[in-house]
């Protein structure tokens, strides 16, 4: 009974763990939305990053050293 209620509410069971099923709709995110979500002051660098890098997909593959050369402080993990 409880399992049926979870399924009706959009939950799934996987190996005894119950988790909410995520909607399969993707939302396009740009550099500005991503950096605003990160917070910590990085949103002040939005114009520089948009001018130098261009789009969000390129930002994801940009190396830390390139960001540092642009004057954007970042931690090397």
PDB file of N, CA and C in Angstrom:
ATOM      1  N   UNK A   1       0.820  -1.193   0.000  1.00  0.00           N
ATOM      2  CA  UNK A   1       0.000   0.000   0.000  1.00  0.00           C
ATOM      3  C   UNK A   1       0.860   1.252   0.000  1.00  0.00           C
ATOM      4  N   UNK A   2       1.839   1.303   0.897  1.00  0.00           N
ATOM      5  CA  UNK A   2       2.706   2.478   0.989  1.00  0.00           C
ATOM      6  C   UNK A   2       3.522   2.658  -0.285  1.00  0.00           C
ATOM      7  N   UNK A   3       3.969   1.559  -0.866  1.00  0.00           N
ATOM      8  CA  UNK A   3       4.739   1.620  -2.102  1.00  0.00           C
ATOM      9  C   UNK A   3       3.897   2.233  -3.228  1.00  0.00           C
ATOM     10  N   UNK A   4       2.635   1.861  -3.305  1.00  0.00           N
ATOM     11  CA  UNK A   4       1.750   2.400  -4.335  1.00  0.00           C
ATOM     12  C   UNK A   4       1.546   3.905  -4.146  1.00  0.00           C
ATOM     13  N   UNK A   5       1.451   4.359  -2.899  1.00  0.00           N
ATOM     14  CA  UNK A   5       1.297   5.791  -2.612  1.00  0.00           C
ATOM     15  C   UNK A   5       2.536   6.548  -3.059  1.00  0.00           C
ATOM     16  N   UNK A   6       3.726   6.023  -2.788  1.00  0.00           N
ATOM     17  CA  UNK A   6       4.961   6.669  -3.219  1.00  0.00           C
ATOM     18  C   UNK A   6       5.025   6.791  -4.743  1.00  0.00           C
ATOM     19  N   UNK A   7       4.638   5.742  -5.446  1.00  0.00           N
ATOM     20  CA  UNK A   7       4.651   5.761  -6.902  1.00  0.00           C
ATOM     21  C   UNK A   7       3.682   6.810  -7.433  1.00  0.00           C
ATOM     22  N   UNK A   8       2.508   6.918  -6.830  1.00  0.00           N
ATOM     23  CA  UNK A   8       1.522   7.897  -7.265  1.00  0.00           C
ATOM     24  C   UNK A   8       2.004   9.319  -7.017  1.00  0.00           C
ATOM     25  N   UNK A   9       2.809   9.538  -5.983  1.00  0.00           N
ATOM     26  CA  UNK A   9       3.319  10.869  -5.668  1.00  0.00           C
ATOM     27  C   UNK A   9       4.571  11.225  -6.460  1.00  0.00           C
ATOM     28  N   UNK A  10       5.080  10.309  -7.257  1.00  0.00           N
ATOM     29  CA  UNK A  10       6.254  10.585  -8.074  1.00  0.00           C
ATOM     30  C   UNK A  10       7.564  10.167  -7.440  1.00  0.00           C
ATOM     31  N   UNK A  11       7.505   9.259  -6.481  1.00  0.00           N
ATOM     32  CA  UNK A  11       8.711   8.746  -5.857  1.00  0.00           C
ATOM     33  C   UNK A  11       9.068   7.409  -6.487  1.00  0.00           C
ATOM     34  N   UNK A  12      10.344   7.074  -6.457  1.00  0.00           N
ATOM     35  CA  UNK A  12      10.778   5.788  -6.979  1.00  0.00           C
ATOM     36  C   UNK A  12      11.576   5.056  -5.909  1.00  0.00           C
ATOM     37  N   UNK A  13      11.610   3.735  -6.006  1.00  0.00           N
ATOM     38  CA  UNK A  13      12.379   2.928  -5.072  1.00  0.00           C
ATOM     39  C   UNK A  13      13.496   2.247  -5.832  1.00  0.00           C
ATOM     40  N   UNK A  14      14.691   2.364  -5.304  1.00  0.00           N
ATOM     41  CA  UNK A  14      15.848   1.749  -5.953  1.00  0.00           C
ATOM     42  C   UNK A  14      16.703   1.110  -4.870  1.00  0.00           C
ATOM     43  N   UNK A  15      16.673  -0.184  -4.794  1.00  0.00           N
ATOM     44  CA  UNK A  15      17.477  -0.891  -3.801  1.00  0.00           C
ATOM     45  C   UNK A  15      17.073  -0.573  -2.375  1.00  0.00           C
ATOM     46  N   UNK A  16      15.792  -0.363  -2.124  1.00  0.00           N
ATOM     47  CA  UNK A  16      15.329  -0.073  -0.776  1.00  0.00           C
ATOM     48  C   UNK A  16      15.373   1.400  -0.424  1.00  0.00           C
ATOM     49  N   UNK A  17      15.929   2.231  -1.278  1.00  0.00           N
ATOM     50  CA  UNK A  17      16.009   3.667  -1.033  1.00  0.00           C
ATOM     51  C   UNK A  17      14.902   4.344  -1.831  1.00  0.00           C
ATOM     52  N   UNK A  18      14.145   5.179  -1.165  1.00  0.00           N
ATOM     53  CA  UNK A  18      13.060   5.890  -1.827  1.00  0.00           C
ATOM     54  C   UNK A  18      13.542   7.303  -2.146  1.00  0.00           C
ATOM     55  N   UNK A  19      13.401   7.710  -3.395  1.00  0.00           N
ATOM     56  CA  UNK A  19      13.840   9.036  -3.813  1.00  0.00           C
ATOM     57  C   UNK A  19      12.799   9.657  -4.715  1.00  0.00           C
ATOM     58  N   UNK A  20      12.799  10.968  -4.776  1.00  0.00           N
ATOM     59  CA  UNK A  20      11.855  11.661  -5.651  1.00  0.00           C
ATOM     60  C   UNK A  20      12.323  11.530  -7.087  1.00  0.00           C
ATOM     61  N   UNK A  21      11.395  11.277  -7.993  1.00  0.00           N
ATOM     62  CA  UNK A  21      11.721  11.175  -9.412  1.00  0.00           C
ATOM     63  C   UNK A  21      11.822  12.576  -9.989  1.00  0.00           C
ATOM     64  N   UNK A  22      12.918  12.874 -10.623  1.00  0.00           N
ATOM     65  CA  UNK A  22      13.129  14.203 -11.196  1.00  0.00           C
ATOM     66  C   UNK A  22      12.413  14.306 -12.533  1.00  0.00           C
ATOM     67  N   UNK A  23      11.895  15.469 -12.799  1.00  0.00           N
ATOM     68  CA  UNK A  23      11.254  15.708 -14.097  1.00  0.00           C
ATOM     69  C   UNK A  23      12.321  15.693 -15.179  1.00  0.00           C
ATOM     70  N   UNK A  24      11.980  15.182 -16.345  1.00  0.00           N
ATOM     71  CA  UNK A  24      12.955  15.010 -17.413  1.00  0.00           C
ATOM     72  C   UNK A  24      13.001  16.204 -18.355  1.00  0.00           C
ATOM     73  N   UNK A  25      12.628  17.370 -17.885  1.00  0.00           N
ATOM     74  CA  UNK A  25      12.689  18.528 -18.760  1.00  0.00           C
ATOM     75  C   UNK A  25      13.959  19.324 -18.460  1.00  0.00           C
ATOM     76  N   UNK A  26      14.703  19.634 -19.495  1.00  0.00           N
ATOM     77  CA  UNK A  26      15.943  20.376 -19.341  1.00  0.00           C
ATOM     78  C   UNK A  26      15.677  21.851 -19.594  1.00  0.00           C
ATOM     79  N   UNK A  27      16.338  22.677 -18.810  1.00  0.00           N
ATOM     80  CA  UNK A  27      16.190  24.114 -18.961  1.00  0.00           C
ATOM     81  C   UNK A  27      17.531  24.686 -19.397  1.00  0.00           C
ATOM     82  N   UNK A  28      17.521  25.516 -20.420  1.00  0.00           N
ATOM     83  CA  UNK A  28      18.752  26.095 -20.927  1.00  0.00           C
ATOM     84  C   UNK A  28      19.260  27.138 -19.931  1.00  0.00           C
ATOM     85  N   UNK A  29      20.525  27.025 -19.572  1.00  0.00           N
ATOM     86  CA  UNK A  29      21.142  27.921 -18.605  1.00  0.00           C
ATOM     87  C   UNK A  29      22.286  28.648 -19.288  1.00  0.00           C
ATOM     88  N   UNK A  30      22.330  29.926 -19.094  1.00  0.00           N
ATOM     89  CA  UNK A  30      23.418  30.729 -19.638  1.00  0.00           C
ATOM     90  C   UNK A  30      24.457  31.022 -18.574  1.00  0.00           C
ATOM     91  N   UNK A  31      25.497  31.741 -18.972  1.00  0.00           N
ATOM     92  CA  UNK A  31      26.572  32.090 -18.043  1.00  0.00           C
ATOM     93  C   UNK A  31      26.015  32.906 -16.878  1.00  0.00           C
ATOM     94  N   UNK A  32      25.151  33.869 -17.178  1.00  0.00           N
ATOM     95  CA  UNK A  32      24.625  34.737 -16.133  1.00  0.00           C
ATOM     96  C   UNK A  32      23.810  33.958 -15.105  1.00  0.00           C
ATOM     97  N   UNK A  33      22.928  33.087 -15.544  1.00  0.00           N
ATOM     98  CA  UNK A  33      22.125  32.305 -14.610  1.00  0.00           C
ATOM     99  C   UNK A  33      22.995  31.374 -13.768  1.00  0.00           C
ATOM    100  N   UNK A  34      23.993  30.774 -14.398  1.00  0.00           N
ATOM    101  CA  UNK A  34      24.877  29.855 -13.689  1.00  0.00           C
ATOM    102  C   UNK A  34      25.676  30.583 -12.610  1.00  0.00           C
ATOM    103  N   UNK A  35      26.286  31.705 -12.965  1.00  0.00           N
ATOM    104  CA  UNK A  35      27.113  32.421 -11.999  1.00  0.00           C
ATOM    105  C   UNK A  35      26.274  33.066 -10.903  1.00  0.00           C
ATOM    106  N   UNK A  36      25.068  33.494 -11.217  1.00  0.00           N
ATOM    107  CA  UNK A  36      24.180  34.003 -10.164  1.00  0.00           C
ATOM    108  C   UNK A  36      23.833  32.894  -9.188  1.00  0.00           C
ATOM    109  N   UNK A  37      23.696  31.679  -9.677  1.00  0.00           N
ATOM    110  CA  UNK A  37      23.429  30.536  -8.815  1.00  0.00           C
ATOM    111  C   UNK A  37      24.609  30.170  -7.939  1.00  0.00           C
ATOM    112  N   UNK A  38      25.817  30.376  -8.455  1.00  0.00           N
ATOM    113  CA  UNK A  38      27.021  30.080  -7.673  1.00  0.00           C
ATOM    114  C   UNK A  38      27.152  31.067  -6.527  1.00  0.00           C
ATOM    115  N   UNK A  39      26.890  32.348  -6.826  1.00  0.00           N
ATOM    116  CA  UNK A  39      26.999  33.380  -5.795  1.00  0.00           C
ATOM    117  C   UNK A  39      28.452  33.673  -5.453  1.00  0.00           C
ATOM    118  N   UNK A  40      28.730  33.991  -4.203  1.00  0.00           N
ATOM    119  CA  UNK A  40      30.075  34.253  -3.670  1.00  0.00           C
ATOM    120  C   UNK A  40      30.806  35.356  -4.422  1.00  0.00           C
ATOM    121  N   UNK A  41      30.087  36.285  -5.044  1.00  0.00           N
ATOM    122  CA  UNK A  41      30.720  37.415  -5.711  1.00  0.00           C
ATOM    123  C   UNK A  41      31.153  37.175  -7.138  1.00  0.00           C
ATOM    124  N   UNK A  42      31.009  35.963  -7.651  1.00  0.00           N
ATOM    125  CA  UNK A  42      31.448  35.692  -9.021  1.00  0.00           C
ATOM    126  C   UNK A  42      30.559  36.376 -10.052  1.00  0.00           C
ATOM    127  N   UNK A  43      29.338  36.788  -9.636  1.00  0.00           N
ATOM    128  CA  UNK A  43      28.456  37.448 -10.590  1.00  0.00           C
ATOM    129  C   UNK A  43      28.998  38.801 -11.033  1.00  0.00           C
ATOM    130  N   UNK A  44      29.974  39.354 -10.312  1.00  0.00           N
ATOM    131  CA  UNK A  44      30.589  40.615 -10.739  1.00  0.00           C
ATOM    132  C   UNK A  44      31.448  40.425 -11.987  1.00  0.00           C
ATOM    133  N   UNK A  45      31.829  39.196 -12.294  1.00  0.00           N
ATOM    134  CA  UNK A  45      32.687  38.899 -13.441  1.00  0.00           C
ATOM    135  C   UNK A  45      31.901  38.469 -14.679  1.00  0.00           C
ATOM    136  N   UNK A  46      30.575  38.529 -14.632  1.00  0.00           N
ATOM    137  CA  UNK A  46      29.746  38.071 -15.748  1.00  0.00           C
ATOM    138  C   UNK A  46      30.096  38.752 -17.068  1.00  0.00           C
ATOM    139  N   UNK A  47      30.187  40.099 -17.123  1.00  0.00           N
ATOM    140  CA  UNK A  47      30.485  40.732 -18.425  1.00  0.00           C
ATOM    141  C   UNK A  47      31.822  40.286 -19.019  1.00  0.00           C
ATOM    142  N   UNK A  48      32.840  40.144 -18.166  1.00  0.00           N
ATOM    143  CA  UNK A  48      34.169  39.738 -18.640  1.00  0.00           C
ATOM    144  C   UNK A  48      34.136  38.301 -19.170  1.00  0.00           C
ATOM    145  N   UNK A  49      33.473  37.417 -18.465  1.00  0.00           N
ATOM    146  CA  UNK A  49      33.410  36.018 -18.887  1.00  0.00           C
ATOM    147  C   UNK A  49      32.599  35.878 -20.171  1.00  0.00           C
ATOM    148  N   UNK A  50      31.472  36.583 -20.267  1.00  0.00           N
ATOM    149  CA  UNK A  50      30.667  36.511 -21.490  1.00  0.00           C
ATOM    150  C   UNK A  50      31.433  37.050 -22.684  1.00  0.00           C
ATOM    151  N   UNK A  51      32.238  38.104 -22.496  1.00  0.00           N
ATOM    152  CA  UNK A  51      33.010  38.683 -23.600  1.00  0.00           C
ATOM    153  C   UNK A  51      34.165  37.781 -24.022  1.00  0.00           C
ATOM    154  N   UNK A  52      34.857  37.185 -23.077  1.00  0.00           N
ATOM    155  CA  UNK A  52      36.053  36.397 -23.383  1.00  0.00           C
ATOM    156  C   UNK A  52      35.752  34.943 -23.755  1.00  0.00           C
ATOM    157  N   UNK A  53      34.782  34.332 -23.092  1.00  0.00           N
ATOM    158  CA  UNK A  53      34.527  32.909 -23.290  1.00  0.00           C
ATOM    159  C   UNK A  53      33.359  32.673 -24.237  1.00  0.00           C
ATOM    160  N   UNK A  54      32.286  33.423 -24.074  1.00  0.00           N
ATOM    161  CA  UNK A  54      31.187  33.308 -25.013  1.00  0.00           C
ATOM    162  C   UNK A  54      29.968  32.614 -24.469  1.00  0.00           C
ATOM    163  N   UNK A  55      29.943  31.305 -24.476  1.00  0.00           N
ATOM    164  CA  UNK A  55      28.736  30.610 -24.050  1.00  0.00           C
ATOM    165  C   UNK A  55      29.015  29.658 -22.896  1.00  0.00           C
ATOM    166  N   UNK A  56      27.945  29.137 -22.336  1.00  0.00           N
ATOM    167  CA  UNK A  56      28.022  28.318 -21.129  1.00  0.00           C
ATOM    168  C   UNK A  56      28.794  27.023 -21.348  1.00  0.00           C
ATOM    169  N   UNK A  57      28.613  26.378 -22.490  1.00  0.00           N
ATOM    170  CA  UNK A  57      29.312  25.123 -22.759  1.00  0.00           C
ATOM    171  C   UNK A  57      30.825  25.329 -22.784  1.00  0.00           C
ATOM    172  N   UNK A  58      31.273  26.449 -23.351  1.00  0.00           N
ATOM    173  CA  UNK A  58      32.709  26.744 -23.356  1.00  0.00           C
ATOM    174  C   UNK A  58      33.213  27.039 -21.952  1.00  0.00           C
ATOM    175  N   UNK A  59      32.368  27.684 -21.131  1.00  0.00           N
ATOM    176  CA  UNK A  59      32.763  27.969 -19.751  1.00  0.00           C
ATOM    177  C   UNK A  59      32.996  26.673 -18.982  1.00  0.00           C
ATOM    178  N   UNK A  60      32.183  25.662 -19.240  1.00  0.00           N
ATOM    179  CA  UNK A  60      32.321  24.403 -18.519  1.00  0.00           C
ATOM    180  C   UNK A  60      33.634  23.694 -18.808  1.00  0.00           C
ATOM    181  N   UNK A  61      34.207  23.903 -19.973  1.00  0.00           N
ATOM    182  CA  UNK A  61      35.464  23.235 -20.308  1.00  0.00           C
ATOM    183  C   UNK A  61      36.676  24.147 -20.149  1.00  0.00           C
ATOM    184  N   UNK A  62      36.447  25.385 -19.709  1.00  0.00           N
ATOM    185  CA  UNK A  62      37.546  26.333 -19.515  1.00  0.00           C
ATOM    186  C   UNK A  62      38.358  25.932 -18.294  1.00  0.00           C
ATOM    187  N   UNK A  63      39.664  25.956 -18.443  1.00  0.00           N
ATOM    188  CA  UNK A  63      40.565  25.567 -17.365  1.00  0.00           C
ATOM    189  C   UNK A  63      40.711  26.692 -16.342  1.00  0.00           C
ATOM    190  N   UNK A  64      41.048  26.339 -15.119  1.00  0.00           N
ATOM    191  CA  UNK A  64      41.228  27.295 -14.031  1.00  0.00           C
ATOM    192  C   UNK A  64      42.291  28.329 -14.372  1.00  0.00           C
ATOM    193  N   UNK A  65      43.375  27.905 -15.004  1.00  0.00           N
ATOM    194  CA  UNK A  65      44.453  28.837 -15.327  1.00  0.00           C
ATOM    195  C   UNK A  65      43.993  29.919 -16.305  1.00  0.00           C
ATOM    196  N   UNK A  66      43.127  29.576 -17.246  1.00  0.00           N
ATOM    197  CA  UNK A  66      42.616  30.581 -18.173  1.00  0.00           C
ATOM    198  C   UNK A  66      41.758  31.607 -17.440  1.00  0.00           C
ATOM    199  N   UNK A  67      40.953  31.147 -16.501  1.00  0.00           N
ATOM    200  CA  UNK A  67      40.144  32.076 -15.710  1.00  0.00           C
ATOM    201  C   UNK A  67      41.034  32.999 -14.883  1.00  0.00           C
ATOM    202  N   UNK A  68      42.114  32.461 -14.324  1.00  0.00           N
ATOM    203  CA  UNK A  68      43.035  33.285 -13.544  1.00  0.00           C
ATOM    204  C   UNK A  68      43.709  34.331 -14.421  1.00  0.00           C
ATOM    205  N   UNK A  69      44.040  33.976 -15.674  1.00  0.00           N
ATOM    206  CA  UNK A  69      44.641  34.942 -16.600  1.00  0.00           C
ATOM    207  C   UNK A  69      43.684  36.079 -16.928  1.00  0.00           C
ATOM    208  N   UNK A  70      42.370  35.800 -16.859  1.00  0.00           N
ATOM    209  CA  UNK A  70      41.366  36.839 -17.100  1.00  0.00           C
ATOM    210  C   UNK A  70      41.164  37.717 -15.860  1.00  0.00           C
ATOM    211  N   UNK A  71      41.826  37.388 -14.772  1.00  0.00           N
ATOM    212  CA  UNK A  71      41.706  38.172 -13.538  1.00  0.00           C
ATOM    213  C   UNK A  71      40.557  37.732 -12.652  1.00  0.00           C
ATOM    214  N   UNK A  72      40.084  36.517 -12.844  1.00  0.00           N
ATOM    215  CA  UNK A  72      38.978  35.993 -12.058  1.00  0.00           C
ATOM    216  C   UNK A  72      39.566  35.073 -10.996  1.00  0.00           C
ATOM    217  N   UNK A  73      39.395  35.443  -9.719  1.00  0.00           N
ATOM    218  CA  UNK A  73      39.961  34.612  -8.663  1.00  0.00           C
ATOM    219  C   UNK A  73      39.227  33.279  -8.562  1.00  0.00           C
ATOM    220  N   UNK A  74      39.984  32.194  -8.505  1.00  0.00           N
ATOM    221  CA  UNK A  74      39.364  30.884  -8.349  1.00  0.00           C
ATOM    222  C   UNK A  74      40.350  29.969  -7.641  1.00  0.00           C
ATOM    223  N   UNK A  75      39.795  29.010  -6.916  1.00  0.00           N
ATOM    224  CA  UNK A  75      40.617  28.041  -6.187  1.00  0.00           C
ATOM    225  C   UNK A  75      40.946  26.891  -7.104  1.00  0.00           C
ATOM    226  N   UNK A  76      42.172  26.433  -7.030  1.00  0.00           N
ATOM    227  CA  UNK A  76      42.591  25.271  -7.814  1.00  0.00           C
ATOM    228  C   UNK A  76      42.378  24.047  -6.949  1.00  0.00           C
ATOM    229  N   UNK A  77      41.404  23.229  -7.323  1.00  0.00           N
ATOM    230  CA  UNK A  77      41.054  22.067  -6.472  1.00  0.00           C
ATOM    231  C   UNK A  77      41.856  20.858  -6.814  1.00  0.00           C
TER     232      UNK A  77
END
